[in-house]
C-alpha atoms as a PDB file:
ATOM      1  CA  MET A   1      45.258 146.638  10.494  1.00  0.00           C
ATOM      2  CA  ARG A   2      42.582 145.953  13.032  1.00  0.00           C
ATOM      3  CA  PHE A   3      41.772 142.851  11.121  1.00  0.00           C
ATOM      4  CA  ALA A   4      45.413 141.688  11.213  1.00  0.00           C
ATOM      5  CA  LEU A   5      45.547 142.474  14.926  1.00  0.00           C
ATOM      6  CA  LEU A   6      42.354 140.513  15.541  1.00  0.00           C
ATOM      7  CA  VAL A   7      43.622 137.529  13.564  1.00  0.00           C
ATOM      8  CA  GLY A   8      46.907 137.695  15.452  1.00  0.00           C
ATOM      9  CA  LEU A   9      45.110 137.700  18.797  1.00  0.00           C
ATOM     10  CA  LEU A  10      43.058 134.667  17.757  1.00  0.00           C
ATOM     11  CA  ILE A  11      46.011 132.690  16.409  1.00  0.00           C
ATOM     12  CA  LEU A  12      48.302 133.408  19.353  1.00  0.00           C
ATOM     13  CA  PRO A  13      46.272 131.353  21.898  1.00  0.00           C
ATOM     14  CA  LEU A  14      45.990 128.482  19.404  1.00  0.00           C
ATOM     15  CA  ALA A  15      49.752 128.485  18.849  1.00  0.00           C
ATOM     16  CA  ALA A  16      50.347 128.557  22.590  1.00  0.00           C
ATOM     17  CA  GLN A  17      47.992 125.616  23.096  1.00  0.00           C
ATOM     18  CA  LYS A  18      49.749 123.692  20.385  1.00  0.00           C
ATOM     19  CA  ALA A  19      53.100 124.394  22.001  1.00  0.00           C
ATOM     20  CA  LYS A  20      51.801 123.193  25.370  1.00  0.00           C
ATOM     21  CA  ALA A  21      50.427 119.958  23.983  1.00  0.00           C
ATOM     22  CA  PRO A  22      51.159 117.107  26.354  1.00  0.00           C
ATOM     23  CA  GLU A  23      54.486 115.528  25.721  1.00  0.00           C
ATOM     24  CA  LYS A  24      54.541 111.876  24.972  1.00  0.00           C
ATOM     25  CA  THR A  25      56.367 110.121  27.745  1.00  0.00           C
ATOM     26  CA  ALA A  26      58.898 107.504  26.867  1.00  0.00           C
ATOM     27  CA  PRO A  27      57.889 104.037  27.926  1.00  0.00           C
ATOM     28  CA  LYS A  28      59.240 103.171  31.353  1.00  0.00           C
ATOM     29  CA  ILE A  29      62.213 100.897  31.277  1.00  0.00           C
ATOM     30  CA  GLU A  30      61.831  98.331  33.982  1.00  0.00           C
ATOM     31  CA  GLU A  31      64.795  98.442  36.311  1.00  0.00           C
ATOM     32  CA  LYS A  32      66.460  95.128  36.896  1.00  0.00           C
ATOM     33  CA  ALA A  33      67.180  94.099  40.438  1.00  0.00           C
ATOM     34  CA  PRO A  34      70.886  94.419  41.167  1.00  0.00           C
ATOM     35  CA  LYS A  35      72.856  91.224  40.637  1.00  0.00           C
ATOM     36  CA  ILE A  36      73.629  89.530  43.908  1.00  0.00           C
ATOM     37  CA  ASP A  37      77.304  88.602  43.964  1.00  0.00           C
ATOM     38  CA  TRP A  38      77.872  85.789  46.457  1.00  0.00           C
ATOM     39  CA  ASP A  39      81.251  84.796  44.970  1.00  0.00           C
ATOM     40  CA  GLY A  40      84.344  85.494  47.001  1.00  0.00           C
ATOM     41  CA  GLU A  41      86.059  85.360  50.354  1.00  0.00           C
ATOM     42  CA  TRP A  42      84.100  86.740  53.288  1.00  0.00           C
ATOM     43  CA  LYS A  43      85.559  87.750  56.646  1.00  0.00           C
ATOM     44  CA  LEU A  44      83.654  87.811  59.936  1.00  0.00           C
ATOM     45  CA  LYS A  45      82.879  91.265  61.344  1.00  0.00           C
ATOM     46  CA  PRO A  46      83.030  90.549  65.115  1.00  0.00           C
ATOM     47  CA  SER A  47      81.778  94.009  66.088  1.00  0.00           C
ATOM     48  CA  SER A  48      78.507  93.422  64.163  1.00  0.00           C
ATOM     49  CA  SER A  49      78.115  89.745  65.091  1.00  0.00           C
ATOM     50  CA  ASP A  50      76.780  87.958  68.155  1.00  0.00           C
ATOM     51  CA  LYS A  51      79.374  86.521  70.510  1.00  0.00           C
ATOM     52  CA  VAL A  52      78.524  82.829  70.208  1.00  0.00           C
ATOM     53  CA  PRO A  53      80.005  81.582  73.525  1.00  0.00           C
ATOM     54  CA  GLU A  54      78.046  84.260  75.412  1.00  0.00           C
ATOM     55  CA  ALA A  55      74.882  83.447  73.435  1.00  0.00           C
ATOM     56  CA  ILE A  56      75.280  79.753  74.324  1.00  0.00           C
ATOM     57  CA  GLU A  57      75.730  80.590  78.018  1.00  0.00           C
ATOM     58  CA  GLU A  58      72.590  82.739  77.920  1.00  0.00           C
ATOM     59  CA  HIS A  59      70.611  80.011  76.149  1.00  0.00           C
ATOM     60  CA  VAL A  60      71.441  77.233  78.646  1.00  0.00           C
ATOM     61  CA  LYS A  61      71.442  79.339  81.838  1.00  0.00           C
ATOM     62  CA  ASP A  62      68.080  78.003  83.095  1.00  0.00           C
ATOM     63  CA  GLN A  63      68.972  74.326  82.612  1.00  0.00           C
ATOM     64  CA  ASN A  64      69.978  72.103  85.528  1.00  0.00           C
ATOM     65  CA  PHE A  65      73.701  71.535  86.010  1.00  0.00           C
ATOM     66  CA  ALA A  66      73.957  68.273  84.011  1.00  0.00           C
ATOM     67  CA  MET A  67      71.800  69.518  81.107  1.00  0.00           C
ATOM     68  CA  LYS A  68      73.654  72.816  81.032  1.00  0.00           C
ATOM     69  CA  ILE A  69      76.972  70.968  80.497  1.00  0.00           C
ATOM     70  CA  PHE A  70      75.369  68.581  77.959  1.00  0.00           C
ATOM     71  CA  TRP A  71      73.785  71.344  75.811  1.00  0.00           C
ATOM     72  CA  LYS A  72      76.739  73.680  76.104  1.00  0.00           C
ATOM     73  CA  LYS A  73      79.051  70.985  74.714  1.00  0.00           C
ATOM     74  CA  LYS A  74      76.604  70.105  71.887  1.00  0.00           C
ATOM     75  CA  LEU A  75      76.035  73.738  70.900  1.00  0.00           C
ATOM     76  CA  GLU A  76      79.741  74.629  71.005  1.00  0.00           C
ATOM     77  CA  LYS A  77      80.510  71.716  68.649  1.00  0.00           C
ATOM     78  CA  ALA A  78      77.628  72.397  66.230  1.00  0.00           C
ATOM     79  CA  CYS A  79      77.694  76.212  66.246  1.00  0.00           C
ATOM     80  CA  PRO A  80      81.152  77.695  65.793  1.00  0.00           C
ATOM     81  CA  SER A  81      81.602  81.205  64.434  1.00  0.00           C
ATOM     82  CA  TYR A  82      83.834  80.837  61.403  1.00  0.00           C
ATOM     83  CA  GLU A  83      86.356  83.630  60.842  1.00  0.00           C
ATOM     84  CA  LYS A  84      86.183  83.167  57.095  1.00  0.00           C
ATOM     85  CA  LEU A  85      83.750  81.852  54.474  1.00  0.00           C
ATOM     86  CA  ASP A  86      84.571  81.085  50.850  1.00  0.00           C
ATOM     87  CA  ILE A  87      81.614  81.022  48.481  1.00  0.00           C
ATOM     88  CA  PHE A  88      81.735  79.901  44.873  1.00  0.00           C
ATOM     89  CA  ALA A  89      78.450  80.532  43.058  1.00  0.00           C
ATOM     90  CA  SER A  90      77.541  79.064  39.690  1.00  0.00           C
ATOM     91  CA  ASP A  91      74.803  76.563  38.838  1.00  0.00           C
ATOM     92  CA  THR A  92      75.600  75.085  42.233  1.00  0.00           C
ATOM     93  CA  PHE A  93      76.853  76.809  45.360  1.00  0.00           C
ATOM     94  CA  SER A  94      79.953  75.759  47.207  1.00  0.00           C
ATOM     95  CA  VAL A  95      80.341  77.196  50.697  1.00  0.00           C
ATOM     96  CA  THR A  96      83.502  76.551  52.710  1.00  0.00           C
ATOM     97  CA  MET A  97      83.216  77.558  56.357  1.00  0.00           C
ATOM     98  CA  GLY A  98      86.639  78.079  57.866  1.00  0.00           C
ATOM     99  CA  LYS A  99      88.698  74.926  57.287  1.00  0.00           C
ATOM    100  CA  GLU A 100      85.632  72.722  56.925  1.00  0.00           C
ATOM    101  CA  VAL A 101      84.947  70.496  53.901  1.00  0.00           C
ATOM    102  CA  PRO A 102      83.114  72.532  51.199  1.00  0.00           C
ATOM    103  CA  LEU A 103      79.317  72.249  51.223  1.00  0.00           C
ATOM    104  CA  ASP A 104      78.161  71.823  47.629  1.00  0.00           C
ATOM    105  CA  ALA A 105      74.467  72.165  46.786  1.00  0.00           C
ATOM    106  CA  GLN A 106      72.109  73.056  43.960  1.00  0.00           C
ATOM    107  CA  THR A 107      70.080  76.233  44.528  1.00  0.00           C
ATOM    108  CA  ASP A 108      66.735  74.530  43.874  1.00  0.00           C
ATOM    109  CA  GLY A 109      66.522  72.688  47.203  1.00  0.00           C
ATOM    110  CA  THR A 110      67.736  69.306  45.943  1.00  0.00           C
ATOM    111  CA  ALA A 111      69.119  67.267  48.859  1.00  0.00           C
ATOM    112  CA  ASN A 112      72.800  66.215  48.874  1.00  0.00           C
ATOM    113  CA  GLU A 113      74.763  64.093  51.291  1.00  0.00           C
ATOM    114  CA  TRP A 114      77.720  65.754  53.002  1.00  0.00           C
ATOM    115  CA  LYS A 115      80.306  64.700  55.608  1.00  0.00           C
ATOM    116  CA  ASN A 116      82.120  67.279  57.703  1.00  0.00           C
ATOM    117  CA  ARG A 117      85.797  66.874  58.562  1.00  0.00           C
ATOM    118  CA  ASP A 118      84.875  64.992  61.776  1.00  0.00           C
ATOM    119  CA  GLY A 119      82.985  62.404  59.693  1.00  0.00           C
ATOM    120  CA  ASP A 120      79.492  63.492  60.814  1.00  0.00           C
ATOM    121  CA  LYS A 121      76.920  62.900  58.044  1.00  0.00           C
ATOM    122  CA  PHE A 122      74.360  65.498  56.971  1.00  0.00           C
ATOM    123  CA  THR A 123      71.696  65.969  54.348  1.00  0.00           C
ATOM    124  CA  VAL A 124      72.172  69.427  52.839  1.00  0.00           C
ATOM    125  CA  THR A 125      69.680  71.559  50.918  1.00  0.00           C
ATOM    126  CA  LEU A 126      70.017  75.086  49.637  1.00  0.00           C
ATOM    127  CA  LYS A 127      67.383  77.497  48.305  1.00  0.00           C
ATOM    128  CA  LYS A 128      68.260  80.858  46.815  1.00  0.00           C
ATOM    129  CA  ASP A 129      65.720  83.645  46.356  1.00  0.00           C
ATOM    130  CA  GLY A 130      67.151  87.008  45.335  1.00  0.00           C
ATOM    131  CA  ALA A 131      69.207  88.437  48.176  1.00  0.00           C
ATOM    132  CA  THR A 132      68.406  85.524  50.501  1.00  0.00           C
ATOM    133  CA  MET A 133      69.884  82.063  50.585  1.00  0.00           C
ATOM    134  CA  VAL A 134      68.812  79.348  53.036  1.00  0.00           C
ATOM    135  CA  GLN A 135      71.075  76.365  53.654  1.00  0.00           C
ATOM    136  CA  ILE A 136      69.743  73.525  55.822  1.00  0.00           C
ATOM    137  CA  LEU A 137      71.903  70.766  57.290  1.00  0.00           C
ATOM    138  CA  LYS A 138      70.076  67.829  58.861  1.00  0.00           C
ATOM    139  CA  GLY A 139      72.366  65.775  61.044  1.00  0.00           C
ATOM    140  CA  ASP A 140      71.954  62.995  63.563  1.00  0.00           C
ATOM    141  CA  GLY A 141      68.952  64.255  65.523  1.00  0.00           C
ATOM    142  CA  TYR A 142      69.347  67.982  64.897  1.00  0.00           C
ATOM    143  CA  THR A 143      68.970  70.618  62.183  1.00  0.00           C
ATOM    144  CA  LEU A 144      71.188  73.609  61.458  1.00  0.00           C
ATOM    145  CA  THR A 145      69.701  76.387  59.334  1.00  0.00           C
ATOM    146  CA  TYR A 146      71.886  79.096  57.837  1.00  0.00           C
ATOM    147  CA  ARG A 147      69.878  82.055  56.469  1.00  0.00           C
ATOM    148  CA  TYR A 148      72.143  84.377  54.482  1.00  0.00           C
ATOM    149  CA  THR A 149      70.774  87.856  53.723  1.00  0.00           C
ATOM    150  CA  MET A 150      72.873  89.969  51.364  1.00  0.00           C
ATOM    151  CA  ARG A 151      73.020  93.710  51.941  1.00  0.00           C
ATOM    152  CA  PRO A 152      72.061  95.886  48.909  1.00  0.00           C
ATOM    153  CA  ASP A 153      75.688  96.756  48.097  1.00  0.00           C
ATOM    154  CA  SER A 154      76.689  93.037  47.843  1.00  0.00           C
ATOM    155  CA  ARG A 155      79.696  93.823  50.077  1.00  0.00           C
ATOM    156  CA  SER A 156      78.364  92.230  53.283  1.00  0.00           C
ATOM    157  CA  PHE A 157      75.701  89.833  54.475  1.00  0.00           C
ATOM    158  CA  ALA A 158      74.144  88.669  57.716  1.00  0.00           C
ATOM    159  CA  MET A 159      73.930  84.959  58.456  1.00  0.00           C
ATOM    160  CA  GLN A 160      71.268  83.897  60.962  1.00  0.00           C
ATOM    161  CA  VAL A 161      72.143  80.458  62.335  1.00  0.00           C
ATOM    162  CA  THR A 162      69.504  78.328  64.059  1.00  0.00           C
ATOM    163  CA  TYR A 163      70.134  75.015  65.823  1.00  0.00           C
ATOM    164  CA  GLU A 164      67.071  72.826  66.474  1.00  0.00           C
ATOM    165  CA  HIS A 165      66.889  69.553  68.361  1.00  0.00           C
ATOM    166  CA  PRO A 166      63.725  67.748  69.545  1.00  0.00           C
ATOM    167  CA  MET A 167      65.064  67.588  73.138  1.00  0.00           C
ATOM    168  CA  LEU A 168      65.995  71.278  73.222  1.00  0.00           C
ATOM    169  CA  VAL A 169      62.944  73.240  74.369  1.00  0.00           C
ATOM    170  CA  ASN A 170      63.776  76.404  72.381  1.00  0.00           C
ATOM    171  CA  PRO A 171      65.888  76.561  69.236  1.00  0.00           C
ATOM    172  CA  PHE A 172      69.260  78.248  69.658  1.00  0.00           C
ATOM    173  CA  SER A 173      69.843  81.137  67.258  1.00  0.00           C
ATOM    174  CA  TYR A 174      72.538  83.739  66.657  1.00  0.00           C
ATOM    175  CA  LYS A 175      73.674  86.187  63.949  1.00  0.00           C
ATOM    176  CA  LEU A 176      77.036  86.525  62.216  1.00  0.00           C
ATOM    177  CA  VAL A 177      77.929  89.329  59.794  1.00  0.00           C
ATOM    178  CA  TYR A 178      80.476  88.869  57.019  1.00  0.00           C
ATOM    179  CA  LYS A 179      82.194  91.458  54.814  1.00  0.00           C
ATOM    180  CA  LYS A 180      83.668  90.739  51.380  1.00  0.00           C
ATOM    181  CA  GLU A 181      87.451  90.607  51.217  1.00  0.00           C
ATOM    182  CA  ASP A 182      88.994  92.671  48.417  1.00  0.00           C
END
């Protein structure tokens, strides 16, 4: 009996060790980044966006009278805040800003020619990288850059707009936020 008790005491720790053997962990499954869904109609969220007329006034406030009028007129024409954007995403992107002519571009940065509804000519490029898309319009003497940054839920994005001109000392920039229409 003592012998059976002794054997039992020796086997018990071995059985416990065997039971506590490290578990094999399942290989980690790499999580895919969420799909960014640019497709759809997007509506401006004024409460989250910059007020463009006020931003223009602030930007030109230190100019002399004539230059203030000149730049204000140029910026107002080139930098409207569109109430609505329509985006169609496939191999190419088509972005319609308000009632403007759709901007069609490949996402690899290939340059395309585009004319707005006033007949102004632009060279358009678009680069997409995950949740960010950068659209550049080069017009007659100036450049407009639209940097779209999608929020993680793909239900809204911020668009940073920058207007650059060689005669304008500092680029003009403002932010618009858009929410997906259901």
